[in-house]
Amino acid sequence: MQLDQFAAITRNVILSLEEGFAEFQPTVCFPERQEIRALSAVPLNEQHEPIALSWAANLARQGEEYLIAFRHSATEFKLVRMADGATEHQIYALT
């Protein structure tokens, strides 16, 4: 899965939340497993990136592709894709 594909999914989820972006928690996608998981109860005042990256890495199987989405700022989310030993990342605006 490409970053832009996961960004579209992530944006749709955020826009569907009753509380909007305030409720968005770190989310990981394992394309091969066809599995998406969200981490709950990450405080808004905490830096989401280190928490999300560590959590996702612990869930991933060795050599498995995965993508992580998390809050980057009040109006942006960041995606990280881990695949084939490489890391890609991109920041997206909510709109």
PDB file of N, CA and C in Angstrom:
ATOM      1  N   MET A   1       0.856  -1.177   0.000  1.00  0.00           N
ATOM      2  CA  MET A   1       0.000   0.000   0.000  1.00  0.00           C
ATOM      3  C   MET A   1       0.902   1.240   0.000  1.00  0.00           C
ATOM      4  N   GLN A   2       0.516   2.227  -0.749  1.00  0.00           N
ATOM      5  CA  GLN A   2       1.274   3.473  -0.835  1.00  0.00           C
ATOM      6  C   GLN A   2       0.794   4.463   0.228  1.00  0.00           C
ATOM      7  N   LEU A   3       1.645   5.431   0.548  1.00  0.00           N
ATOM      8  CA  LEU A   3       1.303   6.432   1.560  1.00  0.00           C
ATOM      9  C   LEU A   3       0.020   7.180   1.215  1.00  0.00           C
ATOM     10  N   ASP A   4      -0.130   7.599  -0.039  1.00  0.00           N
ATOM     11  CA  ASP A   4      -1.320   8.367  -0.420  1.00  0.00           C
ATOM     12  C   ASP A   4      -2.604   7.550  -0.264  1.00  0.00           C
ATOM     13  N   GLN A   5      -2.530   6.246  -0.500  1.00  0.00           N
ATOM     14  CA  GLN A   5      -3.711   5.392  -0.311  1.00  0.00           C
ATOM     15  C   GLN A   5      -4.106   5.352   1.161  1.00  0.00           C
ATOM     16  N   PHE A   6      -3.117   5.161   2.028  1.00  0.00           N
ATOM     17  CA  PHE A   6      -3.406   5.114   3.458  1.00  0.00           C
ATOM     18  C   PHE A   6      -3.821   6.489   3.972  1.00  0.00           C
ATOM     19  N   ALA A   7      -3.285   7.546   3.391  1.00  0.00           N
ATOM     20  CA  ALA A   7      -3.680   8.906   3.774  1.00  0.00           C
ATOM     21  C   ALA A   7      -5.165   9.138   3.499  1.00  0.00           C
ATOM     22  N   ALA A   8      -5.653   8.663   2.363  1.00  0.00           N
ATOM     23  CA  ALA A   8      -7.078   8.823   2.032  1.00  0.00           C
ATOM     24  C   ALA A   8      -7.949   8.074   3.031  1.00  0.00           C
ATOM     25  N   ILE A   9      -7.545   6.865   3.386  1.00  0.00           N
ATOM     26  CA  ILE A   9      -8.292   6.086   4.378  1.00  0.00           C
ATOM     27  C   ILE A   9      -8.277   6.804   5.724  1.00  0.00           C
ATOM     28  N   THR A  10      -7.098   7.268   6.118  1.00  0.00           N
ATOM     29  CA  THR A  10      -6.940   7.952   7.406  1.00  0.00           C
ATOM     30  C   THR A  10      -7.786   9.215   7.460  1.00  0.00           C
ATOM     31  N   ARG A  11      -7.741  10.008   6.411  1.00  0.00           N
ATOM     32  CA  ARG A  11      -8.525  11.253   6.361  1.00  0.00           C
ATOM     33  C   ARG A  11     -10.026  10.949   6.480  1.00  0.00           C
ATOM     34  N   ASN A  12     -10.506   9.918   5.811  1.00  0.00           N
ATOM     35  CA  ASN A  12     -11.921   9.537   5.899  1.00  0.00           C
ATOM     36  C   ASN A  12     -12.305   9.131   7.315  1.00  0.00           C
ATOM     37  N   VAL A  13     -11.426   8.404   7.983  1.00  0.00           N
ATOM     38  CA  VAL A  13     -11.689   7.997   9.367  1.00  0.00           C
ATOM     39  C   VAL A  13     -11.750   9.224  10.270  1.00  0.00           C
ATOM     40  N   ILE A  14     -10.782  10.104  10.140  1.00  0.00           N
ATOM     41  CA  ILE A  14     -10.750  11.310  10.975  1.00  0.00           C
ATOM     42  C   ILE A  14     -12.010  12.140  10.771  1.00  0.00           C
ATOM     43  N   LEU A  15     -12.418  12.328   9.536  1.00  0.00           N
ATOM     44  CA  LEU A  15     -13.600  13.143   9.243  1.00  0.00           C
ATOM     45  C   LEU A  15     -14.893  12.489   9.728  1.00  0.00           C
ATOM     46  N   SER A  16     -14.882  11.164   9.914  1.00  0.00           N
ATOM     47  CA  SER A  16     -16.082  10.474  10.380  1.00  0.00           C
ATOM     48  C   SER A  16     -16.183  10.430  11.907  1.00  0.00           C
ATOM     49  N   LEU A  17     -15.118  10.774  12.615  1.00  0.00           N
ATOM     50  CA  LEU A  17     -15.151  10.743  14.074  1.00  0.00           C
ATOM     51  C   LEU A  17     -16.056  11.836  14.609  1.00  0.00           C
ATOM     52  N   GLU A  18     -16.838  11.509  15.601  1.00  0.00           N
ATOM     53  CA  GLU A  18     -17.773  12.472  16.184  1.00  0.00           C
ATOM     54  C   GLU A  18     -17.044  13.705  16.713  1.00  0.00           C
ATOM     55  N   GLU A  19     -15.921  13.502  17.373  1.00  0.00           N
ATOM     56  CA  GLU A  19     -15.139  14.611  17.920  1.00  0.00           C
ATOM     57  C   GLU A  19     -14.065  15.090  16.943  1.00  0.00           C
ATOM     58  N   GLY A  20     -14.040  14.522  15.744  1.00  0.00           N
ATOM     59  CA  GLY A  20     -13.063  14.925  14.748  1.00  0.00           C
ATOM     60  C   GLY A  20     -11.646  14.523  15.120  1.00  0.00           C
ATOM     61  N   PHE A  21     -10.709  15.368  14.790  1.00  0.00           N
ATOM     62  CA  PHE A  21      -9.294  15.065  14.957  1.00  0.00           C
ATOM     63  C   PHE A  21      -8.905  14.890  16.425  1.00  0.00           C
ATOM     64  N   ALA A  22      -9.645  15.497  17.328  1.00  0.00           N
ATOM     65  CA  ALA A  22      -9.340  15.383  18.756  1.00  0.00           C
ATOM     66  C   ALA A  22      -9.393  13.932  19.233  1.00  0.00           C
ATOM     67  N   GLU A  23     -10.196  13.112  18.594  1.00  0.00           N
ATOM     68  CA  GLU A  23     -10.331  11.705  18.979  1.00  0.00           C
ATOM     69  C   GLU A  23      -9.337  10.792  18.281  1.00  0.00           C
ATOM     70  N   PHE A  24      -8.645  11.272  17.269  1.00  0.00           N
ATOM     71  CA  PHE A  24      -7.795  10.399  16.465  1.00  0.00           C
ATOM     72  C   PHE A  24      -6.610   9.885  17.261  1.00  0.00           C
ATOM     73  N   GLN A  25      -6.454   8.586  17.269  1.00  0.00           N
ATOM     74  CA  GLN A  25      -5.363   7.921  17.972  1.00  0.00           C
ATOM     75  C   GLN A  25      -4.444   7.245  16.958  1.00  0.00           C
ATOM     76  N   PRO A  26      -3.192   6.976  17.333  1.00  0.00           N
ATOM     77  CA  PRO A  26      -2.288   6.292  16.411  1.00  0.00           C
ATOM     78  C   PRO A  26      -2.920   5.019  15.855  1.00  0.00           C
ATOM     79  N   THR A  27      -2.712   4.817  14.564  1.00  0.00           N
ATOM     80  CA  THR A  27      -3.324   3.696  13.850  1.00  0.00           C
ATOM     81  C   THR A  27      -2.261   3.026  12.985  1.00  0.00           C
ATOM     82  N   VAL A  28      -2.285   1.705  12.957  1.00  0.00           N
ATOM     83  CA  VAL A  28      -1.336   0.955  12.139  1.00  0.00           C
ATOM     84  C   VAL A  28      -2.100   0.056  11.177  1.00  0.00           C
ATOM     85  N   CYS A  29      -1.576  -0.074   9.981  1.00  0.00           N
ATOM     86  CA  CYS A  29      -2.162  -0.930   8.954  1.00  0.00           C
ATOM     87  C   CYS A  29      -1.125  -1.965   8.529  1.00  0.00           C
ATOM     88  N   PHE A  30      -1.541  -3.230   8.528  1.00  0.00           N
ATOM     89  CA  PHE A  30      -0.719  -4.329   8.047  1.00  0.00           C
ATOM     90  C   PHE A  30      -1.391  -4.843   6.766  1.00  0.00           C
ATOM     91  N   PRO A  31      -0.996  -4.334   5.594  1.00  0.00           N
ATOM     92  CA  PRO A  31      -1.679  -4.685   4.344  1.00  0.00           C
ATOM     93  C   PRO A  31      -1.742  -6.180   4.052  1.00  0.00           C
ATOM     94  N   GLU A  32      -0.661  -6.890   4.289  1.00  0.00           N
ATOM     95  CA  GLU A  32      -0.642  -8.313   3.974  1.00  0.00           C
ATOM     96  C   GLU A  32      -1.645  -9.088   4.823  1.00  0.00           C
ATOM     97  N   ARG A  33      -1.797  -8.697   6.069  1.00  0.00           N
ATOM     98  CA  ARG A  33      -2.762  -9.333   6.981  1.00  0.00           C
ATOM     99  C   ARG A  33      -4.173  -8.790   6.782  1.00  0.00           C
ATOM    100  N   GLN A  34      -4.285  -7.683   6.065  1.00  0.00           N
ATOM    101  CA  GLN A  34      -5.550  -6.959   5.922  1.00  0.00           C
ATOM    102  C   GLN A  34      -6.097  -6.597   7.304  1.00  0.00           C
ATOM    103  N   GLU A  35      -5.229  -5.992   8.095  1.00  0.00           N
ATOM    104  CA  GLU A  35      -5.552  -5.670   9.489  1.00  0.00           C
ATOM    105  C   GLU A  35      -5.195  -4.224   9.786  1.00  0.00           C
ATOM    106  N   ILE A  36      -6.094  -3.548  10.486  1.00  0.00           N
ATOM    107  CA  ILE A  36      -5.858  -2.193  10.957  1.00  0.00           C
ATOM    108  C   ILE A  36      -6.153  -2.174  12.448  1.00  0.00           C
ATOM    109  N   ARG A  37      -5.256  -1.562  13.220  1.00  0.00           N
ATOM    110  CA  ARG A  37      -5.435  -1.453  14.672  1.00  0.00           C
ATOM    111  C   ARG A  37      -5.209  -0.015  15.103  1.00  0.00           C
ATOM    112  N   ALA A  38      -5.922   0.373  16.138  1.00  0.00           N
ATOM    113  CA  ALA A  38      -5.736   1.699  16.721  1.00  0.00           C
ATOM    114  C   ALA A  38      -5.277   1.548  18.167  1.00  0.00           C
ATOM    115  N   LEU A  39      -4.409   2.427  18.567  1.00  0.00           N
ATOM    116  CA  LEU A  39      -3.914   2.467  19.935  1.00  0.00           C
ATOM    117  C   LEU A  39      -4.787   3.443  20.695  1.00  0.00           C
ATOM    118  N   SER A  40      -5.301   3.046  21.824  1.00  0.00           N
ATOM    119  CA  SER A  40      -6.207   3.932  22.563  1.00  0.00           C
ATOM    120  C   SER A  40      -5.500   4.607  23.725  1.00  0.00           C
ATOM    121  N   ALA A  41      -6.075   5.700  24.130  1.00  0.00           N
ATOM    122  CA  ALA A  41      -5.694   6.420  25.343  1.00  0.00           C
ATOM    123  C   ALA A  41      -4.309   7.077  25.297  1.00  0.00           C
ATOM    124  N   VAL A  42      -3.860   7.502  24.126  1.00  0.00           N
ATOM    125  CA  VAL A  42      -2.634   8.288  24.073  1.00  0.00           C
ATOM    126  C   VAL A  42      -3.026   9.733  24.382  1.00  0.00           C
ATOM    127  N   PRO A  43      -2.493  10.297  25.451  1.00  0.00           N
ATOM    128  CA  PRO A  43      -2.876  11.669  25.819  1.00  0.00           C
ATOM    129  C   PRO A  43      -2.554  12.668  24.712  1.00  0.00           C
ATOM    130  N   LEU A  44      -3.418  13.654  24.549  1.00  0.00           N
ATOM    131  CA  LEU A  44      -3.221  14.658  23.501  1.00  0.00           C
ATOM    132  C   LEU A  44      -1.952  15.473  23.717  1.00  0.00           C
ATOM    133  N   ASN A  45      -1.524  15.627  24.967  1.00  0.00           N
ATOM    134  CA  ASN A  45      -0.341  16.434  25.242  1.00  0.00           C
ATOM    135  C   ASN A  45       0.961  15.649  25.071  1.00  0.00           C
ATOM    136  N   GLU A  46       0.884  14.368  24.774  1.00  0.00           N
ATOM    137  CA  GLU A  46       2.063  13.533  24.528  1.00  0.00           C
ATOM    138  C   GLU A  46       2.452  13.597  23.055  1.00  0.00           C
ATOM    139  N   GLN A  47       3.731  13.436  22.774  1.00  0.00           N
ATOM    140  CA  GLN A  47       4.198  13.321  21.397  1.00  0.00           C
ATOM    141  C   GLN A  47       3.765  11.955  20.874  1.00  0.00           C
ATOM    142  N   HIS A  48       2.922  11.923  19.869  1.00  0.00           N
ATOM    143  CA  HIS A  48       2.390  10.667  19.358  1.00  0.00           C
ATOM    144  C   HIS A  48       3.414   9.865  18.553  1.00  0.00           C
ATOM    145  N   GLU A  49       4.354  10.526  17.899  1.00  0.00           N
ATOM    146  CA  GLU A  49       5.263   9.811  17.004  1.00  0.00           C
ATOM    147  C   GLU A  49       6.069   8.713  17.692  1.00  0.00           C
ATOM    148  N   PRO A  50       6.816   8.979  18.755  1.00  0.00           N
ATOM    149  CA  PRO A  50       7.604   7.888  19.348  1.00  0.00           C
ATOM    150  C   PRO A  50       6.742   6.766  19.911  1.00  0.00           C
ATOM    151  N   ILE A  51       5.594   7.123  20.452  1.00  0.00           N
ATOM    152  CA  ILE A  51       4.674   6.120  20.989  1.00  0.00           C
ATOM    153  C   ILE A  51       4.154   5.235  19.861  1.00  0.00           C
ATOM    154  N   ALA A  52       3.707   5.854  18.775  1.00  0.00           N
ATOM    155  CA  ALA A  52       3.143   5.109  17.642  1.00  0.00           C
ATOM    156  C   ALA A  52       4.181   4.221  16.971  1.00  0.00           C
ATOM    157  N   LEU A  53       5.378   4.744  16.765  1.00  0.00           N
ATOM    158  CA  LEU A  53       6.412   3.967  16.088  1.00  0.00           C
ATOM    159  C   LEU A  53       6.818   2.741  16.899  1.00  0.00           C
ATOM    160  N   SER A  54       6.986   2.910  18.182  1.00  0.00           N
ATOM    161  CA  SER A  54       7.360   1.793  19.051  1.00  0.00           C
ATOM    162  C   SER A  54       6.261   0.746  19.106  1.00  0.00           C
ATOM    163  N   TRP A  55       5.023   1.203  19.269  1.00  0.00           N
ATOM    164  CA  TRP A  55       3.867   0.308  19.352  1.00  0.00           C
ATOM    165  C   TRP A  55       3.727  -0.515  18.077  1.00  0.00           C
ATOM    166  N   ALA A  56       3.796   0.146  16.924  1.00  0.00           N
ATOM    167  CA  ALA A  56       3.637  -0.552  15.638  1.00  0.00           C
ATOM    168  C   ALA A  56       4.767  -1.547  15.402  1.00  0.00           C
ATOM    169  N   ALA A  57       5.994  -1.151  15.724  1.00  0.00           N
ATOM    170  CA  ALA A  57       7.133  -2.052  15.532  1.00  0.00           C
ATOM    171  C   ALA A  57       6.981  -3.315  16.374  1.00  0.00           C
ATOM    172  N   ASN A  58       6.420  -3.173  17.571  1.00  0.00           N
ATOM    173  CA  ASN A  58       6.204  -4.334  18.439  1.00  0.00           C
ATOM    174  C   ASN A  58       5.125  -5.264  17.906  1.00  0.00           C
ATOM    175  N   LEU A  59       4.170  -4.728  17.155  1.00  0.00           N
ATOM    176  CA  LEU A  59       3.090  -5.543  16.587  1.00  0.00           C
ATOM    177  C   LEU A  59       3.496  -6.231  15.276  1.00  0.00           C
ATOM    178  N   ALA A  60       4.456  -5.637  14.578  1.00  0.00           N
ATOM    179  CA  ALA A  60       4.839  -6.130  13.248  1.00  0.00           C
ATOM    180  C   ALA A  60       5.630  -7.431  13.340  1.00  0.00           C
ATOM    181  N   ARG A  61       5.409  -8.251  12.339  1.00  0.00           N
ATOM    182  CA  ARG A  61       6.206  -9.461  12.185  1.00  0.00           C
ATOM    183  C   ARG A  61       7.495  -9.096  11.448  1.00  0.00           C
ATOM    184  N   GLN A  62       8.516  -9.891  11.613  1.00  0.00           N
ATOM    185  CA  GLN A  62       9.799  -9.607  10.980  1.00  0.00           C
ATOM    186  C   GLN A  62       9.649  -9.481   9.466  1.00  0.00           C
ATOM    187  N   GLY A  63      10.136  -8.362   8.927  1.00  0.00           N
ATOM    188  CA  GLY A  63      10.110  -8.129   7.488  1.00  0.00           C
ATOM    189  C   GLY A  63       8.757  -7.715   6.931  1.00  0.00           C
ATOM    190  N   GLU A  64       7.765  -7.541   7.784  1.00  0.00           N
ATOM    191  CA  GLU A  64       6.404  -7.216   7.332  1.00  0.00           C
ATOM    192  C   GLU A  64       6.267  -5.725   7.014  1.00  0.00           C
ATOM    193  N   GLU A  65       5.560  -5.417   5.930  1.00  0.00           N
ATOM    194  CA  GLU A  65       5.225  -4.029   5.600  1.00  0.00           C
ATOM    195  C   GLU A  65       4.135  -3.546   6.550  1.00  0.00           C
ATOM    196  N   TYR A  66       4.293  -2.290   7.021  1.00  0.00           N
ATOM    197  CA  TYR A  66       3.225  -1.681   7.797  1.00  0.00           C
ATOM    198  C   TYR A  66       3.269  -0.169   7.647  1.00  0.00           C
ATOM    199  N   LEU A  67       2.117   0.443   7.863  1.00  0.00           N
ATOM    200  CA  LEU A  67       1.981   1.895   7.776  1.00  0.00           C
ATOM    201  C   LEU A  67       1.375   2.392   9.076  1.00  0.00           C
ATOM    202  N   ILE A  68       1.869   3.523   9.562  1.00  0.00           N
ATOM    203  CA  ILE A  68       1.412   4.090  10.829  1.00  0.00           C
ATOM    204  C   ILE A  68       0.920   5.507  10.569  1.00  0.00           C
ATOM    205  N   ALA A  69      -0.201   5.844  11.172  1.00  0.00           N
ATOM    206  CA  ALA A  69      -0.752   7.200  11.096  1.00  0.00           C
ATOM    207  C   ALA A  69      -0.880   7.742  12.508  1.00  0.00           C
ATOM    208  N   PHE A  70      -0.536   9.021  12.685  1.00  0.00           N
ATOM    209  CA  PHE A  70      -0.654   9.641  14.005  1.00  0.00           C
ATOM    210  C   PHE A  70      -0.716  11.157  13.854  1.00  0.00           C
ATOM    211  N   ARG A  71      -1.183  11.823  14.916  1.00  0.00           N
ATOM    212  CA  ARG A  71      -1.269  13.282  14.919  1.00  0.00           C
ATOM    213  C   ARG A  71       0.129  13.871  14.829  1.00  0.00           C
ATOM    214  N   HIS A  72       0.277  14.863  13.981  1.00  0.00           N
ATOM    215  CA  HIS A  72       1.558  15.561  13.867  1.00  0.00           C
ATOM    216  C   HIS A  72       1.441  16.971  14.450  1.00  0.00           C
ATOM    217  N   SER A  73       0.301  17.579  14.234  1.00  0.00           N
ATOM    218  CA  SER A  73       0.012  18.918  14.774  1.00  0.00           C
ATOM    219  C   SER A  73      -1.501  19.022  14.930  1.00  0.00           C
ATOM    220  N   ALA A  74      -1.971  20.195  15.272  1.00  0.00           N
ATOM    221  CA  ALA A  74      -3.409  20.397  15.458  1.00  0.00           C
ATOM    222  C   ALA A  74      -4.198  20.241  14.162  1.00  0.00           C
ATOM    223  N   THR A  75      -3.513  20.351  13.026  1.00  0.00           N
ATOM    224  CA  THR A  75      -4.205  20.281  11.738  1.00  0.00           C
ATOM    225  C   THR A  75      -3.565  19.303  10.749  1.00  0.00           C
ATOM    226  N   GLU A  76      -2.596  18.517  11.215  1.00  0.00           N
ATOM    227  CA  GLU A  76      -1.887  17.608  10.307  1.00  0.00           C
ATOM    228  C   GLU A  76      -1.708  16.232  10.952  1.00  0.00           C
ATOM    229  N   PHE A  77      -1.644  15.227  10.085  1.00  0.00           N
ATOM    230  CA  PHE A  77      -1.277  13.891  10.544  1.00  0.00           C
ATOM    231  C   PHE A  77      -0.083  13.432   9.728  1.00  0.00           C
ATOM    232  N   LYS A  78       0.673  12.534  10.320  1.00  0.00           N
ATOM    233  CA  LYS A  78       1.874  12.023   9.656  1.00  0.00           C
ATOM    234  C   LYS A  78       1.708  10.534   9.420  1.00  0.00           C
ATOM    235  N   LEU A  79       2.187  10.082   8.273  1.00  0.00           N
ATOM    236  CA  LEU A  79       2.199   8.666   7.955  1.00  0.00           C
ATOM    237  C   LEU A  79       3.636   8.208   7.799  1.00  0.00           C
ATOM    238  N   VAL A  80       3.890   7.000   8.274  1.00  0.00           N
ATOM    239  CA  VAL A  80       5.191   6.367   8.111  1.00  0.00           C
ATOM    240  C   VAL A  80       4.933   4.989   7.520  1.00  0.00           C
ATOM    241  N   ARG A  81       5.701   4.645   6.491  1.00  0.00           N
ATOM    242  CA  ARG A  81       5.589   3.322   5.863  1.00  0.00           C
ATOM    243  C   ARG A  81       6.914   2.605   6.036  1.00  0.00           C
ATOM    244  N   MET A  82       6.855   1.419   6.587  1.00  0.00           N
ATOM    245  CA  MET A  82       8.029   0.570   6.760  1.00  0.00           C
ATOM    246  C   MET A  82       7.857  -0.612   5.804  1.00  0.00           C
ATOM    247  N   ALA A  83       8.788  -0.782   4.871  1.00  0.00           N
ATOM    248  CA  ALA A  83       8.703  -1.884   3.912  1.00  0.00           C
ATOM    249  C   ALA A  83      10.083  -2.166   3.328  1.00  0.00           C
ATOM    250  N   ASP A  84      10.398  -3.428   3.220  1.00  0.00           N
ATOM    251  CA  ASP A  84      11.651  -3.858   2.597  1.00  0.00           C
ATOM    252  C   ASP A  84      12.874  -3.162   3.193  1.00  0.00           C
ATOM    253  N   GLY A  85      12.857  -2.956   4.502  1.00  0.00           N
ATOM    254  CA  GLY A  85      13.987  -2.336   5.175  1.00  0.00           C
ATOM    255  C   GLY A  85      14.103  -0.838   4.984  1.00  0.00           C
ATOM    256  N   ALA A  86      13.142  -0.232   4.312  1.00  0.00           N
ATOM    257  CA  ALA A  86      13.163   1.213   4.061  1.00  0.00           C
ATOM    258  C   ALA A  86      12.013   1.892   4.799  1.00  0.00           C
ATOM    259  N   THR A  87      12.223   3.165   5.085  1.00  0.00           N
ATOM    260  CA  THR A  87      11.195   3.966   5.757  1.00  0.00           C
ATOM    261  C   THR A  87      10.845   5.163   4.887  1.00  0.00           C
ATOM    262  N   GLU A  88       9.545   5.379   4.688  1.00  0.00           N
ATOM    263  CA  GLU A  88       9.043   6.572   3.992  1.00  0.00           C
ATOM    264  C   GLU A  88       8.152   7.315   4.976  1.00  0.00           C
ATOM    265  N   HIS A  89       8.076   8.613   4.857  1.00  0.00           N
ATOM    266  CA  HIS A  89       7.149   9.368   5.698  1.00  0.00           C
ATOM    267  C   HIS A  89       6.663  10.607   4.958  1.00  0.00           C
ATOM    268  N   GLN A  90       5.481  11.030   5.338  1.00  0.00           N
ATOM    269  CA  GLN A  90       4.858  12.193   4.703  1.00  0.00           C
ATOM    270  C   GLN A  90       3.882  12.813   5.708  1.00  0.00           C
ATOM    271  N   ILE A  91       3.782  14.122   5.683  1.00  0.00           N
ATOM    272  CA  ILE A  91       2.830  14.855   6.526  1.00  0.00           C
ATOM    273  C   ILE A  91       1.690  15.323   5.641  1.00  0.00           C
ATOM    274  N   TYR A  92       0.459  15.147   6.131  1.00  0.00           N
ATOM    275  CA  TYR A  92      -0.753  15.495   5.376  1.00  0.00           C
ATOM    276  C   TYR A  92      -1.617  16.463   6.185  1.00  0.00           C
ATOM    277  N   ALA A  93      -2.213  17.405   5.491  1.00  0.00           N
ATOM    278  CA  ALA A  93      -3.202  18.285   6.111  1.00  0.00           C
ATOM    279  C   ALA A  93      -4.539  17.553   6.172  1.00  0.00           C
ATOM    280  N   LEU A  94      -5.365  17.954   7.115  1.00  0.00           N
ATOM    281  CA  LEU A  94      -6.676  17.316   7.247  1.00  0.00           C
ATOM    282  C   LEU A  94      -7.561  17.569   6.042  1.00  0.00           C
ATOM    283  N   THR A  95      -7.416  18.688   5.385  1.00  0.00           N
ATOM    284  CA  THR A  95      -8.289  19.013   4.261  1.00  0.00           C
ATOM    285  C   THR A  95      -7.601  18.827   2.941  1.00  0.00           C
TER     286      THR A  95
END
